[in-house]
Amino acid sequence: MKQTYYRHKLQNLLVINKIVTIHYFEYGAFERHGEAHDFWELVYADRGNLIYEIGGEECLLREGEILFHKPNEYHVHIAKAEHCPNIFIISFECKSEAIRFFEEKRLHLKKDLLRYIYMIMEESRRTFLVPYPDPELKKMPLHPHPALGGQQLIKNLLEILLINIMRDESERDNAESVFLMKEELDNHIANRIKEYLRAHVREDVSVSEIAATLNYNKSYLFRQFKASTGHTIMAYFLNMKIEETKKALRETDRPVAQIAAEYAFDTPNYFSNTFKRATGISPTTYRKRERIKK
């Protein structure tokens, strides 16, 4: 008798999309390094203390603590001779919503999780050819004879490390208060998209541009927005444009062609046809009707 098995589609809480750089700095004399970049950065103080500065405020990263810099956050690392810190840094790209958990996070790394840091370091040495720690390094060259599956192991080890940190912290602080419920998450992303659309209502934007700006992939944004609003992003944006042009027609005497151009419609004819499909009447008829009401 043939048996039927159920195949579970595995859910990913957090996915590392790309690794940018991996460093282990052994600071000596006073050193200072400031930067901002469009990816995440994990900083672990393996030995000694590191001073870091965000928003003009200096803080101390103590030995055994881990720190996260979110994308586009300008930060400065300051190593003073009296501390002589050894610092592990890995920078990476992650588009999962769960990564927001680490925004402005500084916490003590449990000893049982430290092994993942060392395993990442070991795999990086076997996978990439980085002769010395260079703060200005923009691309890690591959090792001429990289270890089999090294890149995947680095990705998986970092994901395991981050998820375990999230578990430990959520168990301590109550998971319900740490993670957004699904409905709240859908609404959060939808609201960010709406804000972007409102700010660019006079422009011709695409889902690709929105995805790049918000740092998510297009299909994920599409699903989350549709789940929250019941509309596609472009349909919602078009309706937003129509509402704005209604206001312009009611409150100004600007020609229809000028209004069409102001809201990035290709031609006045295209605007008129789109407006009529949305409202049932032409822009000129709408203006006359609204003037009569007054």
Protein backbone atom coordinates (compact mmCIF):
# COMPACT_ATOMS: atom_id res chain seq x y z
CA MET A 1 0.00 0.00 0.00
CA LYS A 2 1.41 3.31 -1.07
CA GLN A 3 1.74 5.78 1.79
CA THR A 4 1.36 9.53 1.48
CA TYR A 5 3.87 11.72 3.25
CA TYR A 6 3.43 15.38 4.07
CA ARG A 7 6.31 17.58 2.97
CA HIS A 8 6.87 20.58 5.22
CA LYS A 9 7.85 23.79 3.49
CA LEU A 10 10.52 25.05 5.87
CA GLN A 11 10.13 28.57 7.23
CA ASN A 12 13.15 30.83 7.50
CA LEU A 13 13.13 33.28 10.37
CA LEU A 14 16.35 34.94 9.31
CA VAL A 15 18.41 34.55 6.13
CA ILE A 16 21.88 35.98 5.51
CA ASN A 17 21.91 37.02 1.86
CA LYS A 18 25.54 38.09 1.46
CA ILE A 19 28.77 38.27 3.43
CA VAL A 20 30.75 41.48 2.88
CA THR A 21 33.85 41.31 5.10
CA ILE A 22 35.21 39.25 7.99
CA HIS A 23 37.95 40.68 10.22
CA TYR A 24 39.82 39.97 13.42
CA PHE A 25 41.60 43.12 14.58
CA GLU A 26 44.34 43.08 17.18
CA TYR A 27 44.55 46.73 18.13
CA GLY A 28 47.65 48.16 19.76
CA ALA A 29 48.33 51.89 19.85
CA PHE A 30 45.51 54.38 19.59
CA GLU A 31 43.43 53.81 16.48
CA ARG A 32 40.23 55.42 15.25
CA HIS A 33 38.03 54.34 12.35
CA GLY A 34 34.66 55.79 11.28
CA GLU A 35 32.30 54.69 8.53
CA ALA A 36 28.72 54.14 7.38
CA HIS A 37 27.53 51.48 4.91
CA ASP A 38 24.31 49.95 3.61
CA PHE A 39 24.71 46.57 5.34
CA TRP A 40 24.80 45.18 8.89
CA GLU A 41 27.90 44.90 11.01
CA LEU A 42 28.43 42.60 14.00
CA VAL A 43 31.22 43.58 16.40
CA TYR A 44 32.45 41.26 19.16
CA ALA A 45 35.04 42.25 21.78
CA ASP A 46 37.09 39.07 22.14
CA ARG A 47 39.66 40.63 24.44
CA GLY A 48 39.85 44.07 26.05
CA ASN A 49 37.38 46.94 25.61
CA LEU A 50 36.50 48.96 22.54
CA ILE A 51 35.10 52.49 22.58
CA TYR A 52 32.49 53.15 19.92
CA GLU A 53 30.68 56.32 18.98
CA ILE A 54 27.18 56.65 17.49
CA GLY A 55 25.45 59.99 17.05
CA GLY A 56 28.29 61.77 18.81
CA GLU A 57 27.88 59.69 21.97
CA GLU A 58 30.72 57.46 23.15
CA CYS A 59 29.97 54.04 24.68
CA LEU A 60 32.11 51.15 25.86
CA LEU A 61 31.94 47.67 24.35
CA ARG A 62 33.34 45.47 27.09
CA GLU A 63 35.19 42.20 26.65
CA GLY A 64 32.67 39.43 25.93
CA GLU A 65 30.02 41.82 24.57
CA ILE A 66 28.57 41.93 21.08
CA LEU A 67 27.29 45.00 19.22
CA PHE A 68 25.28 45.50 16.03
CA HIS A 69 25.45 48.46 13.64
CA LYS A 70 22.38 48.73 11.41
CA PRO A 71 22.65 49.79 7.74
CA ASN A 72 23.57 53.45 7.08
CA GLU A 73 24.37 54.11 10.75
CA TYR A 74 27.54 56.20 10.99
CA HIS A 75 29.77 54.79 13.70
CA VAL A 76 33.30 55.26 14.94
CA HIS A 77 35.48 52.61 16.61
CA ILE A 78 38.15 53.92 18.94
CA ALA A 79 40.88 51.63 20.27
CA LYS A 80 43.08 53.08 22.99
CA ALA A 81 46.49 51.67 23.90
CA GLU A 82 45.50 50.92 27.50
CA HIS A 83 42.75 48.55 26.29
CA CYS A 84 44.58 46.82 23.39
CA PRO A 85 41.34 45.14 22.27
CA ASN A 86 41.01 42.15 19.97
CA ILE A 87 37.85 42.63 17.94
CA PHE A 88 35.94 40.27 15.61
CA ILE A 89 33.87 42.03 12.95
CA ILE A 90 31.65 40.49 10.31
CA SER A 91 29.59 42.61 7.95
CA PHE A 92 26.70 41.13 6.05
CA GLU A 93 23.49 41.76 4.15
CA CYS A 94 20.18 40.49 5.51
CA LYS A 95 16.73 41.39 4.18
CA SER A 96 14.71 39.39 6.72
CA GLU A 97 12.36 41.48 8.85
CA ALA A 98 13.55 39.61 11.96
CA ILE A 99 16.97 41.28 11.68
CA ARG A 100 15.34 44.43 13.08
CA PHE A 101 15.63 42.70 16.45
CA PHE A 102 19.31 43.64 16.48
CA GLU A 103 18.85 47.38 15.91
CA GLU A 104 20.78 49.31 18.57
CA LYS A 105 21.56 46.04 20.37
CA ARG A 106 24.56 45.59 22.66
CA LEU A 107 24.56 42.48 24.81
CA HIS A 108 26.77 39.94 26.52
CA LEU A 109 27.48 36.89 24.37
CA LYS A 110 26.93 33.63 26.24
CA LYS A 111 29.99 31.37 26.37
CA ASP A 112 28.23 28.50 24.64
CA LEU A 113 27.64 30.74 21.60
CA LEU A 114 31.24 31.93 21.39
CA ARG A 115 32.21 28.80 19.50
CA TYR A 116 30.21 30.04 16.49
CA ILE A 117 32.38 33.17 16.33
CA TYR A 118 35.53 31.02 16.27
CA MET A 119 34.05 28.61 13.74
CA ILE A 120 33.20 31.52 11.42
CA MET A 121 36.74 32.83 11.79
CA GLU A 122 38.20 29.41 10.96
CA GLU A 123 35.96 28.91 7.91
CA SER A 124 36.77 32.42 6.67
CA ARG A 125 40.51 31.65 6.80
CA ARG A 126 39.92 28.50 4.76
CA THR A 127 37.57 30.21 2.29
CA PHE A 128 38.92 33.72 1.68
CA LEU A 129 42.40 35.09 1.16
CA VAL A 130 42.74 38.03 3.53
CA PRO A 131 46.41 38.40 4.52
CA TYR A 132 45.86 41.03 7.21
CA PRO A 133 42.98 42.97 8.80
CA ASP A 134 42.31 45.99 6.62
CA PRO A 135 39.54 48.45 7.68
CA GLU A 136 39.46 49.76 4.09
CA LEU A 137 38.94 46.33 2.53
CA LYS A 138 36.04 46.40 0.05
CA LYS A 139 36.19 42.86 -1.34
CA MET A 140 37.55 39.65 0.13
CA PRO A 141 39.37 37.59 -2.54
CA LEU A 142 38.62 33.90 -2.56
CA HIS A 143 41.29 31.48 -1.39
CA PRO A 144 42.93 29.80 -4.41
CA HIS A 145 41.96 26.42 -2.92
CA PRO A 146 38.89 27.17 -0.76
CA ALA A 147 37.49 24.60 1.63
CA LEU A 148 34.54 22.67 0.27
CA GLY A 149 31.27 24.42 1.20
CA GLY A 150 33.06 27.12 3.18
CA GLN A 151 30.85 30.00 2.05
CA GLN A 152 27.69 28.10 2.92
CA LEU A 153 29.07 27.14 6.33
CA ILE A 154 29.89 30.79 7.10
CA LYS A 155 26.33 31.78 6.15
CA ASN A 156 24.77 28.95 8.18
CA LEU A 157 26.98 29.50 11.22
CA LEU A 158 26.12 33.20 11.31
CA GLU A 159 22.40 32.43 11.00
CA ILE A 160 22.67 29.89 13.84
CA LEU A 161 24.52 32.40 16.00
CA LEU A 162 21.97 35.16 15.42
CA ILE A 163 18.93 32.92 15.94
CA ASN A 164 20.36 31.58 19.18
CA ILE A 165 20.98 35.12 20.41
CA MET A 166 17.38 35.99 19.57
CA ARG A 167 16.13 32.90 21.40
CA ASP A 168 18.13 33.69 24.52
CA GLU A 169 17.02 37.29 24.61
CA SER A 170 13.37 36.54 23.83
CA GLU A 171 13.16 33.89 26.53
CA ARG A 172 14.48 36.41 29.00
CA ASP A 173 12.34 39.34 27.90
CA ASN A 174 9.26 37.32 26.89
CA ALA A 175 8.98 36.42 23.23
CA GLU A 176 5.61 38.11 22.86
CA SER A 177 7.13 41.50 23.64
CA VAL A 178 10.17 41.00 21.42
CA PHE A 179 8.66 39.80 18.16
CA LEU A 180 5.92 41.48 16.18
CA MET A 181 2.81 39.42 15.58
CA LYS A 182 2.28 38.55 11.92
CA GLU A 183 -0.53 41.08 11.45
CA GLU A 184 1.57 43.81 13.05
CA LEU A 185 4.50 42.87 10.85
CA ASP A 186 2.38 43.04 7.68
CA ASN A 187 1.06 46.45 8.71
CA HIS A 188 4.52 47.71 9.59
CA ILE A 189 5.91 46.91 6.16
CA ALA A 190 2.79 48.19 4.40
CA ASN A 191 3.04 51.48 6.28
CA ARG A 192 6.67 51.92 5.25
CA ILE A 193 5.66 51.35 1.61
CA LYS A 194 2.80 53.85 1.95
CA GLU A 195 5.19 56.45 3.38
CA TYR A 196 7.52 55.95 0.44
CA LEU A 197 4.66 56.25 -2.06
CA ARG A 198 3.36 59.43 -0.42
CA ALA A 199 6.82 60.98 -0.56
CA HIS A 200 7.11 60.14 -4.29
CA VAL A 201 3.50 60.59 -5.41
CA ARG A 202 4.58 63.09 -8.08
CA GLU A 203 7.10 60.65 -9.53
CA ASP A 204 7.09 57.47 -11.58
CA VAL A 205 8.32 54.77 -9.20
CA SER A 206 8.64 51.00 -9.49
CA VAL A 207 8.46 48.11 -7.05
CA SER A 208 12.15 47.48 -7.74
CA GLU A 209 13.02 50.98 -6.52
CA ILE A 210 10.92 50.54 -3.38
CA ALA A 211 12.50 47.15 -2.66
CA ALA A 212 16.00 48.57 -3.05
CA THR A 213 15.21 51.54 -0.78
CA LEU A 214 13.56 49.47 1.96
CA ASN A 215 16.10 46.64 1.61
CA TYR A 216 13.62 43.82 0.87
CA ASN A 217 13.06 41.63 -2.16
CA LYS A 218 10.17 42.48 -4.46
CA SER A 219 8.11 39.32 -3.98
CA TYR A 220 8.24 39.67 -0.18
CA LEU A 221 7.07 43.30 -0.33
CA PHE A 222 4.30 42.37 -2.75
CA ARG A 223 2.98 39.59 -0.47
CA GLN A 224 3.14 41.65 2.72
CA PHE A 225 1.46 44.70 1.17
CA LYS A 226 -1.30 42.63 -0.43
CA ALA A 227 -1.91 40.81 2.86
CA SER A 228 -2.23 44.10 4.74
CA THR A 229 -4.18 46.24 2.26
CA GLY A 230 -5.83 43.85 -0.19
CA HIS A 231 -4.24 45.82 -3.06
CA THR A 232 -1.09 45.54 -5.11
CA ILE A 233 1.51 48.24 -4.54
CA MET A 234 1.09 49.78 -7.99
CA ALA A 235 -2.71 49.74 -7.81
CA TYR A 236 -2.54 51.49 -4.46
CA PHE A 237 -0.04 54.01 -5.81
CA LEU A 238 -2.21 54.77 -8.83
CA ASN A 239 -5.23 55.34 -6.58
CA MET A 240 -3.11 57.67 -4.43
CA LYS A 241 -2.18 59.66 -7.54
CA ILE A 242 -5.82 59.89 -8.60
CA GLU A 243 -6.82 61.23 -5.17
CA GLU A 244 -4.07 63.86 -5.38
CA THR A 245 -5.14 64.92 -8.88
CA LYS A 246 -8.75 65.19 -7.67
CA LYS A 247 -7.59 67.69 -5.07
CA ALA A 248 -5.67 69.65 -7.72
CA LEU A 249 -8.73 69.70 -9.99
CA ARG A 250 -10.98 70.90 -7.17
CA GLU A 251 -8.72 73.52 -5.65
CA THR A 252 -6.76 74.97 -8.59
CA ASP A 253 -7.29 76.25 -12.11
CA ARG A 254 -4.24 74.53 -13.52
CA PRO A 255 -4.85 72.90 -16.92
CA VAL A 256 -5.52 69.18 -16.97
CA ALA A 257 -2.37 68.61 -19.05
CA GLN A 258 -0.26 70.39 -16.44
CA ILE A 259 -1.74 68.32 -13.61
CA ALA A 260 -1.10 65.15 -15.61
CA ALA A 261 2.57 66.11 -16.04
CA GLU A 262 2.95 67.07 -12.36
CA TYR A 263 1.90 63.57 -11.29
CA ALA A 264 4.10 61.77 -13.85
CA PHE A 265 1.38 60.54 -16.22
CA ASP A 266 2.95 59.94 -19.63
CA THR A 267 0.41 61.97 -21.60
CA PRO A 268 -2.74 64.02 -20.87
CA ASN A 269 -4.76 61.42 -22.78
CA TYR A 270 -3.38 58.58 -20.63
CA PHE A 271 -4.20 60.57 -17.51
CA SER A 272 -7.76 61.25 -18.68
CA ASN A 273 -8.39 57.59 -19.52
CA THR A 274 -6.91 56.41 -16.20
CA PHE A 275 -8.88 59.00 -14.25
CA LYS A 276 -12.12 57.97 -16.00
CA ARG A 277 -11.53 54.27 -15.28
CA ALA A 278 -11.03 55.09 -11.60
CA THR A 279 -13.88 57.59 -11.14
CA GLY A 280 -16.31 56.97 -13.97
CA ILE A 281 -15.95 60.51 -15.35
CA SER A 282 -13.27 62.58 -17.07
CA PRO A 283 -11.05 65.08 -15.22
CA THR A 284 -12.82 68.00 -16.91
CA THR A 285 -16.27 66.69 -15.95
CA TYR A 286 -15.06 66.06 -12.39
CA ARG A 287 -13.82 69.65 -12.09
CA LYS A 288 -17.10 71.08 -13.41
CA ARG A 289 -19.15 68.89 -11.06
CA GLU A 290 -17.12 69.90 -8.02
CA ARG A 291 -17.38 73.59 -8.93
CA ILE A 292 -21.17 73.30 -9.13
CA LYS A 293 -21.26 71.80 -5.63
CA LYS A 294 -19.59 74.94 -4.30
